[in-house]
PDB file of N, CA and C in Angstrom:
ATOM      1  N   MET A   1     -19.882  -9.267  -1.803  1.00  0.00           N
ATOM      2  CA  MET A   1     -19.157  -8.558  -1.777  1.00  0.00           C
ATOM      3  C   MET A   1     -19.277  -7.452  -3.014  1.00  0.00           C
ATOM      4  N   GLY A   2     -18.984  -6.339  -2.610  1.00  0.00           N
ATOM      5  CA  GLY A   2     -19.765  -5.828  -3.776  1.00  0.00           C
ATOM      6  C   GLY A   2     -18.077  -5.058  -4.492  1.00  0.00           C
ATOM      7  N   VAL A   3     -18.514  -4.315  -5.618  1.00  0.00           N
ATOM      8  CA  VAL A   3     -17.337  -3.492  -6.275  1.00  0.00           C
ATOM      9  C   VAL A   3     -16.445  -2.860  -5.817  1.00  0.00           C
ATOM     10  N   PHE A   4     -16.476  -1.773  -4.640  1.00  0.00           N
ATOM     11  CA  PHE A   4     -15.769  -1.009  -4.363  1.00  0.00           C
ATOM     12  C   PHE A   4     -14.628  -1.868  -2.887  1.00  0.00           C
ATOM     13  N   ASP A   5     -15.238  -3.405  -3.048  1.00  0.00           N
ATOM     14  CA  ASP A   5     -14.311  -4.259  -1.805  1.00  0.00           C
ATOM     15  C   ASP A   5     -13.609  -4.691  -3.175  1.00  0.00           C
ATOM     16  N   LEU A   6     -14.051  -5.262  -3.791  1.00  0.00           N
ATOM     17  CA  LEU A   6     -13.327  -6.200  -5.239  1.00  0.00           C
ATOM     18  C   LEU A   6     -12.437  -5.113  -5.224  1.00  0.00           C
ATOM     19  N   VAL A   7     -12.589  -3.846  -6.331  1.00  0.00           N
ATOM     20  CA  VAL A   7     -11.438  -2.409  -6.761  1.00  0.00           C
ATOM     21  C   VAL A   7     -10.587  -2.450  -5.458  1.00  0.00           C
ATOM     22  N   THR A   8     -11.089  -2.332  -3.935  1.00  0.00           N
ATOM     23  CA  THR A   8     -10.328  -1.399  -3.600  1.00  0.00           C
ATOM     24  C   THR A   8      -8.882  -3.480  -2.744  1.00  0.00           C
ATOM     25  N   LEU A   9      -9.958  -4.199  -3.275  1.00  0.00           N
ATOM     26  CA  LEU A   9      -8.711  -5.465  -2.348  1.00  0.00           C
ATOM     27  C   LEU A   9      -7.870  -5.802  -3.611  1.00  0.00           C
ATOM     28  N   ALA A  10      -8.021  -5.612  -5.436  1.00  0.00           N
ATOM     29  CA  ALA A  10      -7.170  -5.770  -5.596  1.00  0.00           C
ATOM     30  C   ALA A  10      -5.987  -4.634  -5.348  1.00  0.00           C
ATOM     31  N   ILE A  11      -6.738  -2.790  -5.749  1.00  0.00           N
ATOM     32  CA  ILE A  11      -5.363  -2.587  -5.194  1.00  0.00           C
ATOM     33  C   ILE A  11      -4.270  -2.699  -3.863  1.00  0.00           C
ATOM     34  N   PHE A  12      -4.842  -3.039  -3.052  1.00  0.00           N
ATOM     35  CA  PHE A  12      -4.124  -3.012  -2.488  1.00  0.00           C
ATOM     36  C   PHE A  12      -3.073  -4.818  -1.700  1.00  0.00           C
ATOM     37  N   ALA A  13      -3.526  -5.768  -3.490  1.00  0.00           N
ATOM     38  CA  ALA A  13      -3.420  -6.924  -2.694  1.00  0.00           C
ATOM     39  C   ALA A  13      -2.223  -6.514  -3.895  1.00  0.00           C
ATOM     40  N   GLY A  14      -1.786  -5.524  -4.798  1.00  0.00           N
ATOM     41  CA  GLY A  14      -1.221  -4.791  -6.236  1.00  0.00           C
ATOM     42  C   GLY A  14       0.031  -3.979  -4.797  1.00  0.00           C
ATOM     43  N   LEU A  15      -0.145  -2.986  -3.799  1.00  0.00           N
ATOM     44  CA  LEU A  15       0.628  -2.733  -2.900  1.00  0.00           C
ATOM     45  C   LEU A  15       1.803  -3.493  -2.075  1.00  0.00           C
ATOM     46  N   ILE A  16       0.942  -4.841  -1.821  1.00  0.00           N
ATOM     47  CA  ILE A  16       1.227  -6.003  -0.854  1.00  0.00           C
ATOM     48  C   ILE A  16       2.863  -6.543  -2.115  1.00  0.00           C
ATOM     49  N   VAL A  17       2.185  -6.787  -3.241  1.00  0.00           N
ATOM     50  CA  VAL A  17       2.740  -7.134  -4.699  1.00  0.00           C
ATOM     51  C   VAL A  17       4.138  -6.566  -5.120  1.00  0.00           C
ATOM     52  N   LEU A  18       3.160  -5.536  -4.553  1.00  0.00           N
ATOM     53  CA  LEU A  18       5.342  -4.152  -4.765  1.00  0.00           C
ATOM     54  C   LEU A  18       5.770  -4.255  -3.986  1.00  0.00           C
ATOM     55  N   PHE A  19       5.575  -3.821  -2.227  1.00  0.00           N
ATOM     56  CA  PHE A  19       5.978  -4.099  -1.835  1.00  0.00           C
ATOM     57  C   PHE A  19       7.215  -5.473  -1.035  1.00  0.00           C
ATOM     58  N   LEU A  20       7.042  -6.037  -1.532  1.00  0.00           N
ATOM     59  CA  LEU A  20       7.086  -7.530  -1.008  1.00  0.00           C
ATOM     60  C   LEU A  20       8.810  -7.236  -2.800  1.00  0.00           C
ATOM     61  N   GLN A  21       7.959  -7.415  -3.676  1.00  0.00           N
ATOM     62  CA  GLN A  21       9.144  -7.243  -4.697  1.00  0.00           C
ATOM     63  C   GLN A  21      10.205  -6.254  -4.201  1.00  0.00           C
ATOM     64  N   ARG A  22      10.066  -4.832  -3.543  1.00  0.00           N
ATOM     65  CA  ARG A  22      10.830  -3.752  -3.143  1.00  0.00           C
ATOM     66  C   ARG A  22      11.908  -4.371  -2.253  1.00  0.00           C
ATOM     67  N   SER A  23      11.009  -5.481  -1.328  1.00  0.00           N
ATOM     68  CA  SER A  23      12.028  -5.485  -0.026  1.00  0.00           C
ATOM     69  C   SER A  23      12.872  -6.411   0.246  1.00  0.00           C
ATOM     70  N   ILE A  24      12.958  -7.866  -1.656  1.00  0.00           N
ATOM     71  CA  ILE A  24      13.768  -8.405  -1.896  1.00  0.00           C
ATOM     72  C   ILE A  24      14.638  -7.940  -3.417  1.00  0.00           C
ATOM     73  N   GLU A  25      14.491  -6.492  -3.344  1.00  0.00           N
ATOM     74  CA  GLU A  25      15.359  -6.119  -4.093  1.00  0.00           C
ATOM     75  C   GLU A  25      16.825  -5.656  -3.583  1.00  0.00           C
ATOM     76  N   PRO A  26      18.046  -5.729  -3.987  1.00  0.00           N
ATOM     77  CA  PRO A  26      19.182  -5.306  -3.648  1.00  0.00           C
ATOM     78  C   PRO A  26      19.385  -3.936  -4.533  1.00  0.00           C
ATOM     79  N   GLY A  27      20.567  -3.211  -3.135  1.00  0.00           N
ATOM     80  CA  GLY A  27      19.769  -1.669  -4.075  1.00  0.00           C
ATOM     81  C   GLY A  27      19.056  -0.485  -2.776  1.00  0.00           C
ATOM     82  N   ASP A  28      19.175   0.656  -2.841  1.00  0.00           N
ATOM     83  CA  ASP A  28      18.596   1.152  -2.264  1.00  0.00           C
ATOM     84  C   ASP A  28      17.422   1.417  -2.969  1.00  0.00           C
ATOM     85  N   HIS A  29      16.345   1.866  -2.651  1.00  0.00           N
ATOM     86  CA  HIS A  29      14.921   2.744  -2.563  1.00  0.00           C
ATOM     87  C   HIS A  29      14.829   3.919  -1.832  1.00  0.00           C
ATOM     88  N   ARG A  30      13.784   4.005  -3.063  1.00  0.00           N
ATOM     89  CA  ARG A  30      12.919   5.929  -2.961  1.00  0.00           C
ATOM     90  C   ARG A  30      12.107   5.771  -1.850  1.00  0.00           C
ATOM     91  N   ASP A  31      11.094   4.331  -1.784  1.00  0.00           N
ATOM     92  CA  ASP A  31      10.451   4.326  -1.299  1.00  0.00           C
ATOM     93  C   ASP A  31      10.288   3.376  -0.089  1.00  0.00           C
ATOM     94  N   HIS A  32       9.390   4.924   0.823  1.00  0.00           N
ATOM     95  CA  HIS A  32       9.777   4.591   2.577  1.00  0.00           C
ATOM     96  C   HIS A  32       8.083   3.533   3.225  1.00  0.00           C
ATOM     97  N   LEU A  33       7.750   3.110   4.213  1.00  0.00           N
ATOM     98  CA  LEU A  33       6.704   2.327   4.423  1.00  0.00           C
ATOM     99  C   LEU A  33       5.564   3.018   5.183  1.00  0.00           C
ATOM    100  N   TRP A  34       5.819   4.235   5.277  1.00  0.00           N
ATOM    101  CA  TRP A  34       5.002   5.549   5.119  1.00  0.00           C
ATOM    102  C   TRP A  34       3.675   6.172   3.670  1.00  0.00           C
ATOM    103  N   GLN A  35       4.865   6.034   2.712  1.00  0.00           N
ATOM    104  CA  GLN A  35       4.285   6.345   1.684  1.00  0.00           C
ATOM    105  C   GLN A  35       2.739   4.629   1.289  1.00  0.00           C
ATOM    106  N   TYR A  36       3.589   3.810   1.212  1.00  0.00           N
ATOM    107  CA  TYR A  36       2.128   1.925   1.151  1.00  0.00           C
ATOM    108  C   TYR A  36       1.296   2.056   2.035  1.00  0.00           C
ATOM    109  N   LEU A  37       1.125   3.210   3.557  1.00  0.00           N
ATOM    110  CA  LEU A  37       0.246   3.379   4.271  1.00  0.00           C
ATOM    111  C   LEU A  37      -0.102   4.174   4.018  1.00  0.00           C
ATOM    112  N   VAL A  38       0.334   5.149   3.654  1.00  0.00           N
ATOM    113  CA  VAL A  38      -1.241   6.364   3.037  1.00  0.00           C
ATOM    114  C   VAL A  38      -1.609   5.595   1.287  1.00  0.00           C
ATOM    115  N   ALA A  39      -1.510   4.919   0.387  1.00  0.00           N
ATOM    116  CA  ALA A  39      -2.448   4.326  -0.158  1.00  0.00           C
ATOM    117  C   ALA A  39      -3.013   2.768   0.434  1.00  0.00           C
ATOM    118  N   SER A  40      -2.588   1.908   1.428  1.00  0.00           N
ATOM    119  CA  SER A  40      -3.317   1.787   2.469  1.00  0.00           C
ATOM    120  C   SER A  40      -4.698   2.146   3.018  1.00  0.00           C
ATOM    121  N   LEU A  41      -4.660   3.160   3.346  1.00  0.00           N
ATOM    122  CA  LEU A  41      -5.466   4.214   3.620  1.00  0.00           C
ATOM    123  C   LEU A  41      -6.677   4.650   2.640  1.00  0.00           C
ATOM    124  N   GLY A  42      -5.798   4.999   1.785  1.00  0.00           N
ATOM    125  CA  GLY A  42      -7.031   5.180   0.291  1.00  0.00           C
ATOM    126  C   GLY A  42      -7.474   4.302   0.108  1.00  0.00           C
ATOM    127  N   CYS A  43      -7.089   3.205   0.444  1.00  0.00           N
ATOM    128  CA  CYS A  43      -8.007   1.868  -0.113  1.00  0.00           C
ATOM    129  C   CYS A  43      -9.010   1.807   0.263  1.00  0.00           C
ATOM    130  N   ALA A  44      -8.627   1.785   2.156  1.00  0.00           N
ATOM    131  CA  ALA A  44      -9.688   1.722   3.242  1.00  0.00           C
ATOM    132  C   ALA A  44     -10.964   2.751   2.937  1.00  0.00           C
ATOM    133  N   GLY A  45     -10.197   3.752   2.868  1.00  0.00           N
ATOM    134  CA  GLY A  45     -11.466   5.081   2.914  1.00  0.00           C
ATOM    135  C   GLY A  45     -12.305   4.966   1.988  1.00  0.00           C
ATOM    136  N   ALA A  46     -12.098   4.416   1.053  1.00  0.00           N
ATOM    137  CA  ALA A  46     -12.531   4.425  -0.560  1.00  0.00           C
ATOM    138  C   ALA A  46     -13.766   3.005  -0.312  1.00  0.00           C
ATOM    139  N   ASN A  47     -12.865   1.883   0.036  1.00  0.00           N
ATOM    140  CA  ASN A  47     -13.914   1.066   0.398  1.00  0.00           C
ATOM    141  C   ASN A  47     -14.714   1.006   1.505  1.00  0.00           C
ATOM    142  N   TYR A  48     -15.024   2.469   2.407  1.00  0.00           N
ATOM    143  CA  TYR A  48     -16.064   2.185   3.681  1.00  0.00           C
ATOM    144  C   TYR A  48     -16.909   3.816   2.753  1.00  0.00           C
ATOM    145  N   LEU A  49     -16.550   4.331   2.356  1.00  0.00           N
ATOM    146  CA  LEU A  49     -17.068   5.403   0.846  1.00  0.00           C
ATOM    147  C   LEU A  49     -18.186   5.033   0.194  1.00  0.00           C
ATOM    148  N   GLY A  50     -17.049   3.428  -0.538  1.00  0.00           N
ATOM    149  CA  GLY A  50     -18.301   3.268  -1.563  1.00  0.00           C
ATOM    150  C   GLY A  50     -19.515   2.231  -0.568  1.00  0.00           C
ATOM    151  N   ASP A  51     -19.277   1.498   0.299  1.00  0.00           N
ATOM    152  CA  ASP A  51     -20.448   0.846   1.253  1.00  0.00           C
ATOM    153  C   ASP A  51     -21.297   1.363   2.124  1.00  0.00           C
ATOM    154  N   ASN A  52     -20.772   2.628   2.186  1.00  0.00           N
ATOM    155  CA  ASN A  52     -21.653   3.863   2.842  1.00  0.00           C
ATOM    156  C   ASN A  52     -22.445   4.610   1.650  1.00  0.00           C
ATOM    157  N   ASP A  53     -22.307   4.689   0.624  1.00  0.00           N
ATOM    158  CA  ASP A  53     -23.323   5.169  -0.450  1.00  0.00           C
ATOM    159  C   ASP A  53     -22.879   6.343  -1.290  1.00  0.00           C
ATOM    160  N   TYR A  54     -21.434   6.736  -0.695  1.00  0.00           N
ATOM    161  CA  TYR A  54     -21.369   7.777  -1.069  1.00  0.00           C
ATOM    162  C   TYR A  54     -19.976   7.472  -2.455  1.00  0.00           C
ATOM    163  N   ARG A  55     -20.430   7.517  -3.736  1.00  0.00           N
ATOM    164  CA  ARG A  55     -20.670   6.615  -4.558  1.00  0.00           C
ATOM    165  C   ARG A  55     -18.927   7.254  -5.389  1.00  0.00           C
ATOM    166  N   LEU A  56     -19.100   8.913  -5.401  1.00  0.00           N
ATOM    167  CA  LEU A  56     -18.355   9.433  -6.200  1.00  0.00           C
ATOM    168  C   LEU A  56     -17.329   9.584  -5.482  1.00  0.00           C
ATOM    169  N   LEU A  57     -17.559   9.933  -3.963  1.00  0.00           N
ATOM    170  CA  LEU A  57     -16.459   9.976  -3.512  1.00  0.00           C
ATOM    171  C   LEU A  57     -15.607   9.000  -2.937  1.00  0.00           C
ATOM    172  N   ALA A  58     -16.217   8.023  -3.258  1.00  0.00           N
ATOM    173  CA  ALA A  58     -15.306   6.685  -3.558  1.00  0.00           C
ATOM    174  C   ALA A  58     -14.672   6.228  -4.394  1.00  0.00           C
ATOM    175  N   VAL A  59     -15.262   6.724  -5.546  1.00  0.00           N
ATOM    176  CA  VAL A  59     -14.096   6.909  -7.231  1.00  0.00           C
ATOM    177  C   VAL A  59     -13.350   8.082  -6.975  1.00  0.00           C
ATOM    178  N   LEU A  60     -13.390   9.152  -7.451  1.00  0.00           N
ATOM    179  CA  LEU A  60     -12.657   9.960  -6.573  1.00  0.00           C
ATOM    180  C   LEU A  60     -11.287   9.764  -6.205  1.00  0.00           C
ATOM    181  N   LEU A  61     -11.313   8.984  -4.666  1.00  0.00           N
ATOM    182  CA  LEU A  61     -10.437   8.556  -3.832  1.00  0.00           C
ATOM    183  C   LEU A  61      -9.941   7.728  -4.522  1.00  0.00           C
ATOM    184  N   ILE A  62     -10.822   6.536  -5.340  1.00  0.00           N
ATOM    185  CA  ILE A  62      -9.305   5.144  -5.926  1.00  0.00           C
ATOM    186  C   ILE A  62      -9.017   5.667  -6.557  1.00  0.00           C
ATOM    187  N   VAL A  63      -9.158   7.015  -7.564  1.00  0.00           N
ATOM    188  CA  VAL A  63      -8.429   7.756  -8.785  1.00  0.00           C
ATOM    189  C   VAL A  63      -7.367   8.164  -7.998  1.00  0.00           C
ATOM    190  N   GLY A  64      -7.344   9.327  -6.707  1.00  0.00           N
ATOM    191  CA  GLY A  64      -6.621  10.065  -6.534  1.00  0.00           C
ATOM    192  C   GLY A  64      -5.441   9.188  -6.089  1.00  0.00           C
ATOM    193  N   THR A  65      -5.636   7.600  -5.602  1.00  0.00           N
ATOM    194  CA  THR A  65      -5.047   6.598  -4.274  1.00  0.00           C
ATOM    195  C   THR A  65      -3.891   6.250  -5.385  1.00  0.00           C
ATOM    196  N   LEU A  66      -4.697   5.208  -6.724  1.00  0.00           N
ATOM    197  CA  LEU A  66      -4.317   5.118  -8.244  1.00  0.00           C
ATOM    198  C   LEU A  66      -3.161   6.359  -7.955  1.00  0.00           C
ATOM    199  N   ALA A  67      -3.774   7.362  -8.170  1.00  0.00           N
ATOM    200  CA  ALA A  67      -2.422   8.637  -9.156  1.00  0.00           C
ATOM    201  C   ALA A  67      -1.701   8.628  -7.778  1.00  0.00           C
ATOM    202  N   PHE A  68      -1.785   8.524  -7.166  1.00  0.00           N
ATOM    203  CA  PHE A  68      -0.664   9.034  -5.965  1.00  0.00           C
ATOM    204  C   PHE A  68       0.831   7.556  -5.950  1.00  0.00           C
ATOM    205  N   ILE A  69      -0.024   6.669  -6.343  1.00  0.00           N
ATOM    206  CA  ILE A  69       0.771   5.108  -6.353  1.00  0.00           C
ATOM    207  C   ILE A  69       1.763   4.982  -7.413  1.00  0.00           C
ATOM    208  N   PHE A  70       1.099   5.294  -8.772  1.00  0.00           N
ATOM    209  CA  PHE A  70       1.664   6.113 -10.241  1.00  0.00           C
ATOM    210  C   PHE A  70       2.430   6.570  -9.636  1.00  0.00           C
ATOM    211  N   TYR A  71       2.314   8.567  -9.096  1.00  0.00           N
ATOM    212  CA  TYR A  71       3.278   9.404  -8.808  1.00  0.00           C
ATOM    213  C   TYR A  71       4.525   9.416  -8.108  1.00  0.00           C
ATOM    214  N   VAL A  72       4.435   8.607  -6.880  1.00  0.00           N
ATOM    215  CA  VAL A  72       5.159   8.142  -5.229  1.00  0.00           C
ATOM    216  C   VAL A  72       5.840   6.748  -5.444  1.00  0.00           C
ATOM    217  N   LEU A  73       5.084   6.391  -5.819  1.00  0.00           N
ATOM    218  CA  LEU A  73       5.867   4.551  -5.971  1.00  0.00           C
ATOM    219  C   LEU A  73       6.451   3.786  -6.836  1.00  0.00           C
ATOM    220  N   LYS A  74       5.934   4.831  -7.973  1.00  0.00           N
ATOM    221  CA  LYS A  74       5.869   4.254  -9.658  1.00  0.00           C
ATOM    222  C   LYS A  74       6.609   3.053  -9.948  1.00  0.00           C
ATOM    223  N   PRO A  75       6.192   2.148 -10.201  1.00  0.00           N
ATOM    224  CA  PRO A  75       5.887   0.007  -9.946  1.00  0.00           C
ATOM    225  C   PRO A  75       5.871   0.323 -11.213  1.00  0.00           C
ATOM    226  N   ILE A  76       5.932   0.916 -12.049  1.00  0.00           N
ATOM    227  CA  ILE A  76       6.498   1.053 -13.505  1.00  0.00           C
ATOM    228  C   ILE A  76       7.669   1.418 -13.565  1.00  0.00           C
ATOM    229  N   PRO A  77       8.245   0.472 -13.825  1.00  0.00           N
ATOM    230  CA  PRO A  77      10.258   0.782 -14.141  1.00  0.00           C
ATOM    231  C   PRO A  77      10.193   1.941 -15.066  1.00  0.00           C
ATOM    232  N   GLN A  78      10.953   3.271 -14.933  1.00  0.00           N
ATOM    233  CA  GLN A  78      10.455   4.220 -16.342  1.00  0.00           C
ATOM    234  C   GLN A  78      12.290   3.180 -17.167  1.00  0.00           C
ATOM    235  N   PRO A  79      12.448   4.184 -18.370  1.00  0.00           N
ATOM    236  CA  PRO A  79      12.796   3.417 -19.191  1.00  0.00           C
ATOM    237  C   PRO A  79      14.277   4.066 -18.893  1.00  0.00           C
ATOM    238  N   PRO A  80      15.054   3.712 -19.174  1.00  0.00           N
ATOM    239  CA  PRO A  80      16.567   4.811 -18.894  1.00  0.00           C
ATOM    240  C   PRO A  80      16.645   5.487 -20.214  1.00  0.00           C
ATOM    241  N   SER A  81      17.000   6.799 -19.706  1.00  0.00           N
ATOM    242  CA  SER A  81      16.523   8.124 -20.376  1.00  0.00           C
ATOM    243  C   SER A  81      18.681   7.758 -21.691  1.00  0.00           C
ATOM    244  N   SER A  82      18.870   8.582 -22.771  1.00  0.00           N
ATOM    245  CA  SER A  82      19.797   8.493 -23.377  1.00  0.00           C
ATOM    246  C   SER A  82      20.631   9.259 -23.441  1.00  0.00           C
TER     247      SER A  82
END
């Protein structure tokens, strides 16, 4: 198993946990299933690029995928504003 396999697998596992956590929480959620699909495809694409020696593109796609996750899915709750 290569580095890109481990990194993208860890990100994907985090997405699964986030999805399952949000699916059992009560209340209205702003995230949609397609947003998780976009992040998952980012992981798959980065893994493919990394395995085929496009390391710079793979790293850029991983960074972009993480930015998408933090900007769109917001896994870390925001503190309430006073």
